[in-house]
N, C-alpha and C. Protein backbone atom coordinates (compact mmCIF):
# COMPACT_ATOMS: atom_id res chain seq x y z
N MET A 1 73.26 89.96 106.92
CA MET A 1 74.41 90.60 107.53
C MET A 1 75.32 89.58 108.18
N GLU A 2 74.69 88.59 108.83
CA GLU A 2 75.47 87.55 109.49
C GLU A 2 76.21 86.71 108.47
N ASN A 3 75.54 86.38 107.33
CA ASN A 3 76.18 85.58 106.31
C ASN A 3 77.37 86.29 105.71
N GLU A 4 77.22 87.61 105.46
CA GLU A 4 78.32 88.37 104.89
C GLU A 4 79.52 88.36 105.81
N ASN A 5 79.26 88.54 107.12
CA ASN A 5 80.36 88.55 108.08
C ASN A 5 81.02 87.19 108.16
N ASN A 6 80.22 86.11 108.05
CA ASN A 6 80.80 84.77 108.07
C ASN A 6 81.69 84.56 106.87
N ASN A 7 81.25 85.08 105.71
CA ASN A 7 82.05 84.94 104.51
C ASN A 7 83.36 85.67 104.62
N ASN A 8 83.36 86.74 105.40
CA ASN A 8 84.57 87.54 105.53
C ASN A 8 85.51 87.04 106.61
N SER A 9 85.08 86.09 107.43
CA SER A 9 85.80 85.75 108.64
C SER A 9 87.20 85.28 108.39
N SER A 10 87.40 84.47 107.32
CA SER A 10 88.72 83.94 107.09
C SER A 10 89.69 85.06 106.73
N ALA A 11 89.25 86.00 105.90
CA ALA A 11 90.13 87.10 105.54
C ALA A 11 90.38 88.00 106.72
N GLU A 12 89.35 88.20 107.56
CA GLU A 12 89.53 89.06 108.72
C GLU A 12 90.49 88.43 109.70
N ASN A 13 90.41 87.11 109.86
CA ASN A 13 91.34 86.44 110.76
C ASN A 13 92.76 86.56 110.22
N LYS A 14 92.89 86.42 108.90
CA LYS A 14 94.19 86.57 108.28
C LYS A 14 94.75 87.95 108.52
N SER A 15 93.87 88.94 108.56
CA SER A 15 94.29 90.32 108.67
C SER A 15 94.34 90.82 110.10
N ASN A 16 94.29 89.91 111.07
CA ASN A 16 94.28 90.33 112.47
C ASN A 16 95.58 91.01 112.83
N PRO A 17 95.54 92.29 113.29
CA PRO A 17 96.76 93.03 113.56
C PRO A 17 97.54 92.48 114.73
N LEU A 18 96.93 91.59 115.53
CA LEU A 18 97.67 91.02 116.66
C LEU A 18 98.68 90.00 116.17
N THR A 19 98.45 89.48 114.93
CA THR A 19 99.34 88.45 114.42
C THR A 19 100.15 88.90 113.22
N ILE A 20 99.82 90.08 112.65
CA ILE A 20 100.53 90.56 111.48
C ILE A 20 101.19 91.89 111.84
N PRO A 21 102.48 92.03 111.62
CA PRO A 21 103.15 93.28 111.98
C PRO A 21 102.64 94.43 111.15
N ILE A 22 102.70 95.64 111.74
CA ILE A 22 102.31 96.84 110.98
C ILE A 22 103.40 97.13 109.95
N ALA A 23 103.74 96.92 109.41
CA ALA A 23 104.89 97.20 108.54
C ALA A 23 104.89 98.62 107.95
N ILE A 24 88.24 104.40 87.90
CA ILE A 24 88.21 105.37 89.05
C ILE A 24 86.91 105.83 88.94
N LEU A 25 86.83 105.29 90.15
CA LEU A 25 85.63 106.12 90.13
C LEU A 25 86.06 107.56 90.45
N VAL A 26 87.07 108.13 89.76
CA VAL A 26 87.63 109.39 90.23
C VAL A 26 86.63 110.51 90.00
N ALA A 27 86.28 110.77 88.77
CA ALA A 27 85.32 111.84 88.53
C ALA A 27 83.90 111.35 88.71
N GLY A 28 83.62 110.11 88.28
CA GLY A 28 82.25 109.60 88.28
C GLY A 28 81.69 109.35 89.65
N VAL A 29 82.54 108.83 90.56
CA VAL A 29 82.03 108.47 91.88
C VAL A 29 82.04 109.65 92.83
N LEU A 30 82.97 110.59 92.62
CA LEU A 30 83.02 111.75 93.52
C LEU A 30 81.70 112.51 93.42
N ILE A 31 81.21 112.93 94.53
CA ILE A 31 79.87 113.50 94.58
C ILE A 31 79.90 115.00 94.29
N ALA A 32 79.14 115.40 93.27
CA ALA A 32 79.05 116.81 92.96
C ALA A 32 78.40 117.54 94.11
N GLY A 33 79.03 118.62 94.52
CA GLY A 33 78.45 119.41 95.60
C GLY A 33 78.86 118.95 96.96
N SER A 34 79.62 117.88 97.10
CA SER A 34 80.06 117.45 98.42
C SER A 34 81.06 118.45 98.97
N ILE A 35 81.17 118.49 100.31
CA ILE A 35 82.01 119.47 100.97
C ILE A 35 83.06 118.73 101.78
N TRP A 36 84.30 119.18 101.72
CA TRP A 36 85.36 118.57 102.50
C TRP A 36 85.75 119.52 103.63
N PHE A 37 85.83 118.99 104.85
CA PHE A 37 86.20 119.79 106.00
C PHE A 37 87.35 119.11 106.74
N ARG A 38 88.22 119.89 107.33
CA ARG A 38 89.26 119.35 108.18
C ARG A 38 88.81 119.53 109.63
N THR A 39 88.94 118.49 110.44
CA THR A 39 88.46 118.58 111.82
C THR A 39 89.24 117.66 112.74
N GLY A 40 89.30 118.02 113.99
CA GLY A 40 89.93 117.17 114.99
C GLY A 40 88.95 116.90 116.12
N THR A 41 87.67 117.09 115.84
CA THR A 41 86.63 116.94 116.84
C THR A 41 86.50 115.50 117.33
N LYS A 42 86.01 115.33 118.56
CA LYS A 42 85.68 114.01 119.07
C LYS A 42 84.18 113.92 119.24
N ILE A 43 83.65 112.71 119.09
CA ILE A 43 82.23 112.52 119.33
C ILE A 43 82.03 111.56 120.49
N ASP A 44 81.09 111.87 121.35
CA ASP A 44 80.76 110.99 122.45
C ASP A 44 79.76 109.95 121.96
N THR A 45 79.93 108.71 122.38
CA THR A 45 78.98 107.68 122.01
C THR A 45 78.64 106.84 123.24
N THR A 46 77.53 106.16 123.16
CA THR A 46 77.15 105.24 124.23
C THR A 46 76.97 103.85 123.66
N ALA A 47 77.44 103.66 122.42
CA ALA A 47 77.29 102.36 121.77
C ALA A 47 78.15 101.32 122.47
N SER A 48 77.77 100.08 122.32
CA SER A 48 78.59 98.99 122.88
C SER A 48 78.67 97.86 121.88
N VAL A 49 79.77 97.14 121.92
CA VAL A 49 79.96 95.96 121.09
C VAL A 49 80.22 94.81 122.03
N GLY A 50 79.26 93.89 122.14
CA GLY A 50 79.37 92.85 123.15
C GLY A 50 79.35 93.51 124.51
N ASN A 51 80.40 93.28 125.29
CA ASN A 51 80.51 93.91 126.60
C ASN A 51 81.40 95.14 126.57
N LYS A 52 81.88 95.51 125.39
CA LYS A 52 82.82 96.63 125.28
C LYS A 52 82.08 97.92 125.02
N LYS A 53 82.25 98.90 125.89
CA LYS A 53 81.66 100.21 125.70
C LYS A 53 82.61 101.09 124.92
N LEU A 54 82.10 101.76 123.90
CA LEU A 54 82.90 102.67 123.10
C LEU A 54 82.64 104.09 123.60
N ASP A 55 83.55 104.60 124.40
CA ASP A 55 83.33 105.91 125.01
C ASP A 55 83.46 107.05 124.00
N LYS A 56 84.49 106.95 123.14
CA LYS A 56 84.70 108.02 122.16
C LYS A 56 85.27 107.43 120.88
N VAL A 57 84.89 108.03 119.77
CA VAL A 57 85.51 107.72 118.49
C VAL A 57 86.00 109.04 117.92
N GLU A 58 87.29 109.16 117.70
CA GLU A 58 87.84 110.40 117.17
C GLU A 58 87.66 110.48 115.66
N LEU A 59 87.46 111.69 115.18
CA LEU A 59 87.33 111.87 113.74
C LEU A 59 88.68 111.92 113.05
N GLY A 60 89.72 112.28 113.74
CA GLY A 60 91.04 112.36 113.13
C GLY A 60 91.24 113.67 112.40
N ASP A 61 92.28 113.73 111.55
CA ASP A 61 92.66 114.99 110.93
C ASP A 61 92.51 114.98 109.41
N LEU A 62 91.79 114.01 108.87
CA LEU A 62 91.54 113.96 107.43
C LEU A 62 90.19 114.60 107.12
N PRO A 63 90.00 115.06 105.87
CA PRO A 63 88.77 115.79 105.54
C PRO A 63 87.53 114.91 105.56
N ILE A 64 86.44 115.51 105.99
CA ILE A 64 85.14 114.83 105.98
C ILE A 64 84.53 114.93 104.59
N LEU A 65 83.92 113.86 104.13
CA LEU A 65 83.18 113.87 102.87
C LEU A 65 81.72 114.11 103.19
N GLY A 66 81.20 115.24 102.74
CA GLY A 66 79.80 115.55 103.01
C GLY A 66 79.64 116.78 103.87
N ASP A 67 78.44 116.98 104.33
CA ASP A 67 78.07 118.14 105.14
C ASP A 67 78.43 117.87 106.60
N GLU A 68 79.27 118.72 107.17
CA GLU A 68 79.71 118.49 108.55
C GLU A 68 78.56 118.54 109.55
N LYS A 69 77.41 119.09 109.15
CA LYS A 69 76.25 119.17 110.03
C LYS A 69 75.30 117.99 109.85
N ALA A 70 75.66 117.04 109.03
CA ALA A 70 74.79 115.89 108.78
C ALA A 70 74.49 115.15 110.08
N LYS A 71 73.28 114.61 110.17
CA LYS A 71 72.84 113.96 111.40
C LYS A 71 73.55 112.64 111.64
N VAL A 72 73.91 111.95 110.58
CA VAL A 72 74.55 110.64 110.71
C VAL A 72 76.02 110.75 110.30
N GLU A 73 76.86 110.18 111.14
CA GLU A 73 78.29 110.21 110.89
C GLU A 73 78.82 108.79 110.77
N ILE A 74 79.50 108.52 109.66
CA ILE A 74 80.10 107.21 109.43
C ILE A 74 81.61 107.36 109.47
N VAL A 75 82.26 106.59 110.34
CA VAL A 75 83.71 106.60 110.45
C VAL A 75 84.21 105.20 110.07
N GLU A 76 84.95 105.13 108.97
CA GLU A 76 85.49 103.84 108.54
C GLU A 76 86.97 103.73 108.86
N PHE A 77 87.36 102.65 109.51
CA PHE A 77 88.76 102.28 109.68
C PHE A 77 89.07 101.23 108.63
N GLY A 78 90.05 101.55 107.75
CA GLY A 78 90.32 100.63 106.67
C GLY A 78 91.77 100.59 106.26
N ASP A 79 92.07 99.63 105.41
CA ASP A 79 93.41 99.42 104.86
C ASP A 79 93.25 99.41 103.34
N TYR A 80 94.04 100.19 102.63
CA TYR A 80 93.87 100.32 101.19
C TYR A 80 94.15 99.03 100.43
N GLN A 81 94.84 98.07 101.04
CA GLN A 81 95.06 96.79 100.38
C GLN A 81 94.00 95.75 100.72
N CYS A 82 93.18 96.01 101.72
CA CYS A 82 92.20 95.03 102.18
C CYS A 82 91.14 94.78 101.10
N PRO A 83 90.99 93.55 100.62
CA PRO A 83 90.02 93.28 99.56
C PRO A 83 88.58 93.53 99.99
N PHE A 84 88.29 93.32 101.26
CA PHE A 84 86.92 93.56 101.73
C PHE A 84 86.63 95.05 101.89
N CYS A 85 87.69 95.85 102.15
CA CYS A 85 87.52 97.30 102.12
C CYS A 85 87.22 97.73 100.69
N GLY A 86 87.89 97.10 99.72
CA GLY A 86 87.62 97.39 98.32
C GLY A 86 86.20 97.03 97.93
N LYS A 87 85.73 95.89 98.42
CA LYS A 87 84.35 95.46 98.15
C LYS A 87 83.36 96.45 98.76
N PHE A 88 83.63 96.88 99.99
CA PHE A 88 82.76 97.85 100.65
C PHE A 88 82.73 99.15 99.85
N PHE A 89 83.90 99.61 99.40
CA PHE A 89 83.99 100.84 98.63
C PHE A 89 83.17 100.77 97.35
N LYS A 90 83.31 99.68 96.62
CA LYS A 90 82.69 99.57 95.30
C LYS A 90 81.20 99.23 95.34
N GLU A 91 80.77 98.52 96.38
CA GLU A 91 79.39 98.04 96.40
C GLU A 91 78.49 98.77 97.40
N THR A 92 79.07 99.28 98.47
CA THR A 92 78.26 99.90 99.53
C THR A 92 78.51 101.40 99.63
N GLU A 93 79.79 101.77 99.75
CA GLU A 93 80.10 103.19 99.93
C GLU A 93 79.62 104.04 98.76
N VAL A 94 79.72 103.52 97.55
CA VAL A 94 79.28 104.30 96.39
C VAL A 94 77.80 104.64 96.50
N LEU A 95 77.00 103.75 97.04
CA LEU A 95 75.57 104.01 97.19
C LEU A 95 75.29 104.92 98.38
N ILE A 96 76.10 104.77 99.43
CA ILE A 96 75.97 105.70 100.57
C ILE A 96 76.26 107.12 100.10
N ARG A 97 77.28 107.26 99.28
CA ARG A 97 77.62 108.59 98.76
C ARG A 97 76.44 109.17 97.96
N GLU A 98 75.90 108.36 97.07
CA GLU A 98 74.86 108.85 96.17
C GLU A 98 73.56 109.16 96.90
N GLN A 99 73.15 108.27 97.80
CA GLN A 99 71.83 108.41 98.42
C GLN A 99 71.82 109.20 99.73
N TYR A 100 72.96 109.27 100.41
CA TYR A 100 72.96 109.90 101.73
C TYR A 100 73.96 111.03 101.89
N ILE A 101 75.16 110.90 101.31
CA ILE A 101 76.14 111.98 101.45
C ILE A 101 75.77 113.14 100.54
N LYS A 102 75.43 112.82 99.31
CA LYS A 102 75.07 113.85 98.35
C LYS A 102 73.84 114.63 98.80
N THR A 103 72.95 113.99 99.54
CA THR A 103 71.72 114.64 99.99
C THR A 103 71.88 115.34 101.34
N GLY A 104 73.09 115.30 101.91
CA GLY A 104 73.35 116.03 103.15
C GLY A 104 72.94 115.31 104.42
N LYS A 105 72.57 114.03 104.31
CA LYS A 105 72.10 113.29 105.49
C LYS A 105 73.23 112.59 106.23
N VAL A 106 74.33 112.31 105.55
CA VAL A 106 75.44 111.55 106.13
C VAL A 106 76.75 112.26 105.82
N LYS A 107 77.64 112.25 106.80
CA LYS A 107 79.02 112.65 106.56
C LYS A 107 79.90 111.43 106.77
N PHE A 108 80.98 111.35 106.00
CA PHE A 108 81.81 110.15 105.96
C PHE A 108 83.25 110.51 106.30
N VAL A 109 83.85 109.69 107.16
CA VAL A 109 85.21 109.94 107.63
C VAL A 109 86.05 108.69 107.41
N TRP A 110 87.25 108.86 106.89
CA TRP A 110 88.20 107.76 106.73
C TRP A 110 89.27 107.85 107.81
N ARG A 111 89.60 106.69 108.41
CA ARG A 111 90.74 106.61 109.32
C ARG A 111 91.59 105.40 108.94
N ASP A 112 92.90 105.60 108.99
CA ASP A 112 93.83 104.56 108.58
C ASP A 112 93.96 103.45 109.61
N PHE A 113 93.89 102.21 109.13
CA PHE A 113 94.23 101.03 109.93
C PHE A 113 95.15 100.19 109.04
N ALA A 114 96.35 100.71 108.83
CA ALA A 114 97.28 100.18 107.83
C ALA A 114 98.12 99.06 108.42
N PHE A 115 97.62 97.83 108.32
CA PHE A 115 98.29 96.73 109.02
C PHE A 115 98.63 95.55 108.11
N LEU A 116 98.34 95.66 106.81
CA LEU A 116 98.59 94.52 105.94
C LEU A 116 99.98 94.52 105.31
N GLY A 117 100.82 95.45 105.73
CA GLY A 117 102.18 95.44 105.22
C GLY A 117 102.65 96.79 104.75
N PRO A 118 103.88 96.86 104.22
CA PRO A 118 104.48 98.16 103.86
C PRO A 118 103.72 98.92 102.79
N GLU A 119 103.12 98.23 101.83
CA GLU A 119 102.40 98.95 100.78
C GLU A 119 101.12 99.60 101.32
N SER A 120 100.50 98.96 102.31
CA SER A 120 99.35 99.58 102.96
C SER A 120 99.77 100.87 103.65
N PHE A 121 100.90 100.81 104.32
CA PHE A 121 101.37 101.95 105.09
C PHE A 121 101.73 103.11 104.17
N GLU A 122 102.47 102.82 103.09
CA GLU A 122 102.87 103.89 102.18
C GLU A 122 101.68 104.44 101.41
N ALA A 123 100.70 103.60 101.10
CA ALA A 123 99.50 104.09 100.43
C ALA A 123 98.77 105.09 101.32
N ALA A 124 98.71 104.79 102.62
CA ALA A 124 98.06 105.70 103.57
C ALA A 124 98.83 107.02 103.65
N GLU A 125 100.15 106.94 103.65
CA GLU A 125 100.97 108.15 103.64
C GLU A 125 100.69 108.96 102.37
N ALA A 126 100.64 108.26 101.24
CA ALA A 126 100.44 108.94 99.95
C ALA A 126 99.10 109.67 99.91
N ALA A 127 98.06 109.04 100.45
CA ALA A 127 96.75 109.70 100.47
C ALA A 127 96.80 110.99 101.27
N ARG A 128 97.57 110.98 102.35
CA ARG A 128 97.71 112.19 103.17
C ARG A 128 98.51 113.25 102.42
N CYS A 129 99.50 112.81 101.63
CA CYS A 129 100.24 113.78 100.81
C CYS A 129 99.32 114.40 99.76
N ALA A 130 98.42 113.61 99.20
CA ALA A 130 97.44 114.15 98.26
C ALA A 130 96.51 115.14 98.96
N ASN A 131 96.22 114.87 100.21
CA ASN A 131 95.39 115.77 101.00
C ASN A 131 96.03 117.15 101.14
N ASP A 132 97.35 117.19 101.17
CA ASP A 132 98.04 118.48 101.24
C ASP A 132 97.69 119.36 100.05
N GLN A 133 97.29 118.73 98.95
CA GLN A 133 96.91 119.47 97.75
C GLN A 133 95.40 119.43 97.51
N GLY A 134 94.66 119.08 98.57
CA GLY A 134 93.20 119.14 98.50
C GLY A 134 92.54 118.03 97.72
N GLN A 135 93.24 116.89 97.56
CA GLN A 135 92.65 115.81 96.76
C GLN A 135 92.74 114.46 97.49
N PHE A 136 92.39 114.49 98.76
CA PHE A 136 92.42 113.24 99.52
C PHE A 136 91.44 112.22 98.96
N TRP A 137 90.18 112.60 98.77
CA TRP A 137 89.16 111.62 98.37
C TRP A 137 89.40 111.12 96.95
N GLN A 138 89.90 111.99 96.08
CA GLN A 138 90.22 111.54 94.73
C GLN A 138 91.32 110.46 94.78
N TYR A 139 92.31 110.68 95.61
CA TYR A 139 93.42 109.73 95.72
C TYR A 139 92.95 108.44 96.40
N HIS A 140 92.16 108.59 97.45
CA HIS A 140 91.55 107.45 98.16
C HIS A 140 90.81 106.55 97.15
N ASP A 141 90.07 107.15 96.23
CA ASP A 141 89.29 106.37 95.27
C ASP A 141 90.20 105.65 94.28
N ILE A 142 91.25 106.32 93.82
CA ILE A 142 92.19 105.67 92.92
C ILE A 142 92.79 104.43 93.59
N LEU A 143 93.19 104.55 94.84
CA LEU A 143 93.80 103.42 95.54
C LEU A 143 92.87 102.22 95.53
N PHE A 144 91.60 102.42 95.84
CA PHE A 144 90.68 101.29 95.89
C PHE A 144 90.39 100.73 94.50
N ASN A 145 90.49 101.55 93.50
CA ASN A 145 90.27 101.05 92.14
C ASN A 145 91.51 100.40 91.54
N ARG A 146 92.65 100.50 92.20
CA ARG A 146 93.90 99.91 91.70
C ARG A 146 94.40 98.78 92.59
N GLN A 147 93.58 98.28 93.48
CA GLN A 147 93.99 97.15 94.32
C GLN A 147 94.39 95.96 93.46
N SER A 148 95.43 95.25 93.89
CA SER A 148 95.85 94.04 93.18
C SER A 148 96.79 93.24 94.06
N GLY A 149 96.23 92.38 94.91
CA GLY A 149 97.06 91.58 95.80
C GLY A 149 97.60 92.40 96.95
N GLU A 150 98.38 91.75 97.77
CA GLU A 150 98.96 92.41 98.94
C GLU A 150 100.47 92.41 98.84
N ASN A 151 101.05 93.62 98.88
CA ASN A 151 102.50 93.80 98.87
C ASN A 151 103.16 93.12 97.67
N GLU A 152 102.49 93.26 96.51
CA GLU A 152 103.01 92.68 95.27
C GLU A 152 103.36 93.76 94.25
N GLY A 153 103.40 95.01 94.69
CA GLY A 153 103.83 96.09 93.80
C GLY A 153 102.75 97.02 93.31
N ALA A 154 101.47 96.70 93.58
CA ALA A 154 100.38 97.58 93.12
C ALA A 154 100.50 98.96 93.72
N PHE A 155 101.01 99.02 94.96
CA PHE A 155 101.19 100.29 95.65
C PHE A 155 102.67 100.53 95.96
N SER A 156 103.52 100.21 95.01
CA SER A 156 104.93 100.57 95.14
C SER A 156 105.04 102.09 95.16
N ARG A 157 106.17 102.58 95.60
CA ARG A 157 106.32 104.04 95.67
C ARG A 157 106.19 104.68 94.29
N ASP A 158 106.76 104.04 93.28
CA ASP A 158 106.64 104.59 91.92
C ASP A 158 105.19 104.64 91.46
N LYS A 159 104.43 103.59 91.78
CA LYS A 159 103.01 103.57 91.40
C LYS A 159 102.25 104.68 92.15
N LEU A 160 102.55 104.84 93.42
CA LEU A 160 101.86 105.87 94.21
C LEU A 160 102.14 107.26 93.65
N LYS A 161 103.36 107.48 93.20
CA LYS A 161 103.70 108.76 92.58
C LYS A 161 102.98 108.92 91.25
N GLY A 162 102.84 107.81 90.53
CA GLY A 162 102.13 107.85 89.27
C GLY A 162 100.67 108.23 89.43
N PHE A 163 100.04 107.75 90.49
CA PHE A 163 98.63 108.11 90.74
C PHE A 163 98.49 109.62 90.94
N ALA A 164 99.48 110.20 91.63
CA ALA A 164 99.45 111.65 91.84
C ALA A 164 99.51 112.38 90.50
N GLY A 165 100.32 111.86 89.59
CA GLY A 165 100.41 112.45 88.26
C GLY A 165 99.09 112.36 87.52
N GLU A 166 98.40 111.24 87.66
CA GLU A 166 97.09 111.08 87.01
C GLU A 166 96.09 112.12 87.48
N LEU A 167 96.21 112.50 88.73
CA LEU A 167 95.29 113.49 89.30
C LEU A 167 95.72 114.92 89.02
N GLY A 168 96.89 115.07 88.41
CA GLY A 168 97.37 116.41 88.11
C GLY A 168 97.92 117.15 89.31
N LEU A 169 98.35 116.41 90.32
CA LEU A 169 98.93 117.06 91.49
C LEU A 169 100.31 117.62 91.15
N ASN A 170 100.77 118.56 91.95
CA ASN A 170 102.13 119.05 91.79
C ASN A 170 103.07 117.90 92.13
N GLN A 171 103.71 117.36 91.11
CA GLN A 171 104.50 116.14 91.29
C GLN A 171 105.69 116.35 92.22
N THR A 172 106.35 117.47 92.11
CA THR A 172 107.51 117.73 92.96
C THR A 172 107.11 117.77 94.43
N ASP A 173 106.02 118.46 94.72
CA ASP A 173 105.56 118.56 96.11
C ASP A 173 105.10 117.20 96.64
N PHE A 174 104.38 116.47 95.80
CA PHE A 174 103.88 115.17 96.23
C PHE A 174 105.05 114.22 96.50
N ASP A 175 105.98 114.14 95.55
CA ASP A 175 107.11 113.23 95.69
C ASP A 175 107.94 113.59 96.93
N GLY A 176 108.14 114.89 97.14
CA GLY A 176 108.90 115.32 98.30
C GLY A 176 108.22 114.93 99.60
N CYS A 177 106.88 115.06 99.64
CA CYS A 177 106.11 114.68 100.82
C CYS A 177 106.26 113.18 101.10
N LEU A 178 106.07 112.36 100.07
CA LEU A 178 106.12 110.92 100.26
C LEU A 178 107.53 110.45 100.62
N ASP A 179 108.53 110.98 99.93
CA ASP A 179 109.91 110.55 100.18
C ASP A 179 110.41 110.98 101.55
N SER A 180 109.86 112.06 102.07
CA SER A 180 110.32 112.58 103.36
C SER A 180 109.79 111.80 104.56
N GLY A 181 108.75 110.98 104.33
CA GLY A 181 108.14 110.29 105.46
C GLY A 181 107.34 111.21 106.36
N LYS A 182 106.85 112.30 105.79
CA LYS A 182 106.14 113.32 106.56
C LYS A 182 104.99 112.76 107.39
N TYR A 183 104.29 111.76 106.86
CA TYR A 183 103.09 111.27 107.53
C TYR A 183 103.24 109.87 108.14
N ILE A 184 104.46 109.41 108.31
CA ILE A 184 104.68 108.10 108.93
C ILE A 184 104.05 108.04 110.31
N GLN A 185 104.32 109.03 111.13
CA GLN A 185 103.81 109.02 112.50
C GLN A 185 102.30 109.15 112.53
N ALA A 186 101.74 109.95 111.64
CA ALA A 186 100.28 110.13 111.61
C ALA A 186 99.58 108.82 111.29
N VAL A 187 100.11 108.07 110.32
CA VAL A 187 99.50 106.79 109.96
C VAL A 187 99.67 105.79 111.10
N LYS A 188 100.82 105.80 111.72
CA LYS A 188 101.05 104.91 112.86
C LYS A 188 100.10 105.24 114.00
N ASP A 189 99.93 106.52 114.29
CA ASP A 189 99.03 106.93 115.37
C ASP A 189 97.60 106.51 115.09
N ASP A 190 97.14 106.68 113.84
CA ASP A 190 95.79 106.28 113.48
C ASP A 190 95.61 104.78 113.64
N THR A 191 96.59 104.02 113.19
CA THR A 191 96.52 102.56 113.28
C THR A 191 96.51 102.11 114.73
N ASP A 192 97.33 102.73 115.54
CA ASP A 192 97.35 102.40 116.97
C ASP A 192 96.02 102.77 117.64
N TYR A 193 95.48 103.93 117.26
CA TYR A 193 94.22 104.36 117.87
C TYR A 193 93.08 103.40 117.55
N ALA A 194 93.11 102.83 116.35
CA ALA A 194 92.03 101.93 115.94
C ALA A 194 91.81 100.82 116.96
N LYS A 195 92.91 100.30 117.49
CA LYS A 195 92.78 99.21 118.46
C LYS A 195 92.02 99.66 119.70
N THR A 196 92.25 100.90 120.13
CA THR A 196 91.56 101.39 121.32
C THR A 196 90.08 101.61 121.07
N ALA A 197 89.70 101.73 119.78
CA ALA A 197 88.29 101.92 119.43
C ALA A 197 87.58 100.59 119.20
N GLY A 198 88.28 99.48 119.44
CA GLY A 198 87.66 98.17 119.30
C GLY A 198 87.80 97.55 117.94
N VAL A 199 88.72 98.09 117.12
CA VAL A 199 88.91 97.58 115.76
C VAL A 199 89.91 96.44 115.76
N ASP A 200 89.53 95.30 115.14
CA ASP A 200 90.47 94.19 115.02
C ASP A 200 90.43 93.57 113.63
N SER A 201 89.72 94.19 112.69
CA SER A 201 89.65 93.72 111.31
C SER A 201 89.16 94.88 110.44
N THR A 202 89.30 94.71 109.14
CA THR A 202 88.83 95.76 108.23
C THR A 202 87.91 95.19 107.17
N PRO A 203 86.93 95.98 106.72
CA PRO A 203 86.61 97.30 107.23
C PRO A 203 85.84 97.22 108.55
N SER A 204 86.11 98.18 109.43
CA SER A 204 85.33 98.36 110.65
C SER A 204 84.76 99.76 110.59
N THR A 205 83.46 99.86 110.66
CA THR A 205 82.77 101.13 110.41
C THR A 205 81.87 101.48 111.57
N PHE A 206 81.96 102.73 112.02
CA PHE A 206 81.11 103.22 113.11
C PHE A 206 80.04 104.13 112.54
N VAL A 207 78.79 103.81 112.81
CA VAL A 207 77.66 104.63 112.37
C VAL A 207 77.08 105.29 113.61
N ASN A 208 77.35 106.57 113.76
CA ASN A 208 77.01 107.28 115.01
C ASN A 208 77.47 106.48 116.23
N GLY A 209 78.68 105.93 116.13
CA GLY A 209 79.29 105.23 117.26
C GLY A 209 79.01 103.75 117.32
N GLU A 210 78.10 103.25 116.50
CA GLU A 210 77.76 101.82 116.52
C GLU A 210 78.65 101.06 115.53
N LEU A 211 79.39 100.10 116.03
CA LEU A 211 80.37 99.39 115.22
C LEU A 211 79.73 98.33 114.33
N VAL A 212 80.10 98.38 113.05
CA VAL A 212 79.68 97.38 112.07
C VAL A 212 80.96 96.79 111.47
N LYS A 213 81.10 95.48 111.53
CA LYS A 213 82.30 94.83 111.01
C LYS A 213 82.02 94.18 109.66
N GLY A 214 83.00 94.27 108.78
CA GLY A 214 82.92 93.57 107.51
C GLY A 214 82.33 94.39 106.38
N ALA A 215 82.39 93.82 105.17
CA ALA A 215 81.85 94.47 103.97
C ALA A 215 80.35 94.24 103.91
N VAL A 216 79.65 94.88 104.81
CA VAL A 216 78.21 94.69 104.96
C VAL A 216 77.49 95.24 103.73
N PRO A 217 76.48 94.53 103.22
CA PRO A 217 75.74 95.01 102.03
C PRO A 217 75.05 96.34 102.29
N PHE A 218 74.81 97.07 101.22
CA PHE A 218 74.18 98.38 101.34
C PHE A 218 72.82 98.31 102.01
N ALA A 219 72.05 97.29 101.74
CA ALA A 219 70.71 97.19 102.33
C ALA A 219 70.77 97.21 103.85
N SER A 220 71.77 96.55 104.41
CA SER A 220 71.91 96.53 105.86
C SER A 220 72.35 97.90 106.38
N PHE A 221 73.28 98.53 105.65
CA PHE A 221 73.71 99.88 106.04
C PHE A 221 72.55 100.86 105.93
N LYS A 222 71.76 100.72 104.89
CA LYS A 222 70.63 101.62 104.70
C LYS A 222 69.67 101.54 105.88
N ALA A 223 69.38 100.33 106.33
CA ALA A 223 68.47 100.17 107.47
C ALA A 223 69.04 100.83 108.71
N LEU A 224 70.36 100.68 108.93
CA LEU A 224 70.98 101.28 110.10
C LEU A 224 70.99 102.81 110.00
N ILE A 225 71.33 103.32 108.82
CA ILE A 225 71.34 104.78 108.63
C ILE A 225 69.95 105.36 108.85
N GLU A 226 68.94 104.68 108.28
CA GLU A 226 67.57 105.20 108.44
C GLU A 226 67.15 105.22 109.91
N SER A 227 67.60 104.23 110.66
CA SER A 227 67.26 104.20 112.10
C SER A 227 67.91 105.36 112.84
N LYS A 228 69.09 105.79 112.38
CA LYS A 228 69.78 106.91 113.03
C LYS A 228 69.21 108.26 112.61
N LEU A 229 68.54 108.28 111.48
CA LEU A 229 67.96 109.53 110.99
C LEU A 229 66.63 109.86 111.67
N LYS A 230 66.06 108.89 112.36
CA LYS A 230 64.75 109.13 112.99
C LYS A 230 64.88 110.05 114.20
């Protein structure tokens, strides 16, 4: 775990929001039988990171992946352009979904920490527009499978609209949502909140309130999840 975090340090430092302005596994990876819920609940935690106590971590207003009654709750703060978030998605999250979310032991929550530039911000808005049509996680997965550099056009507005078409969303409604800036404030609020939760790099993941930084391997996550299930 320490080696993985060391390997990620240069990218995390590059992605530090204090210095950078805020500016498919579609069918295969999605878990059959998973349940999506909308919630604004808060969870109390007593976890600490160094000397920092994390009093509360909010779930936000995006749908939960999995059973809302699951004993273990994972809250990820991420950026759709972050390469280490992509690594986490493809190598760790996919196994968490298969072994723990599908079996009802874990519920998974995404929160936006869109700080790598304008394409990160618009991608986060677009995912929320997809959520209006009940396809947040499908759109979330497309974004991570289409990563290609930072602010180089992979998540241009035209591309984001194209992803909606691939999913069969109502194109007029989706385009209108994205063009209107409907979710600009929501993404900004989520990104601002991340800092108060102790987030300074991505991915930053809370497992029942315990903060894990970096694209940690599945084996390490598995050990932590199992400890929380006891």
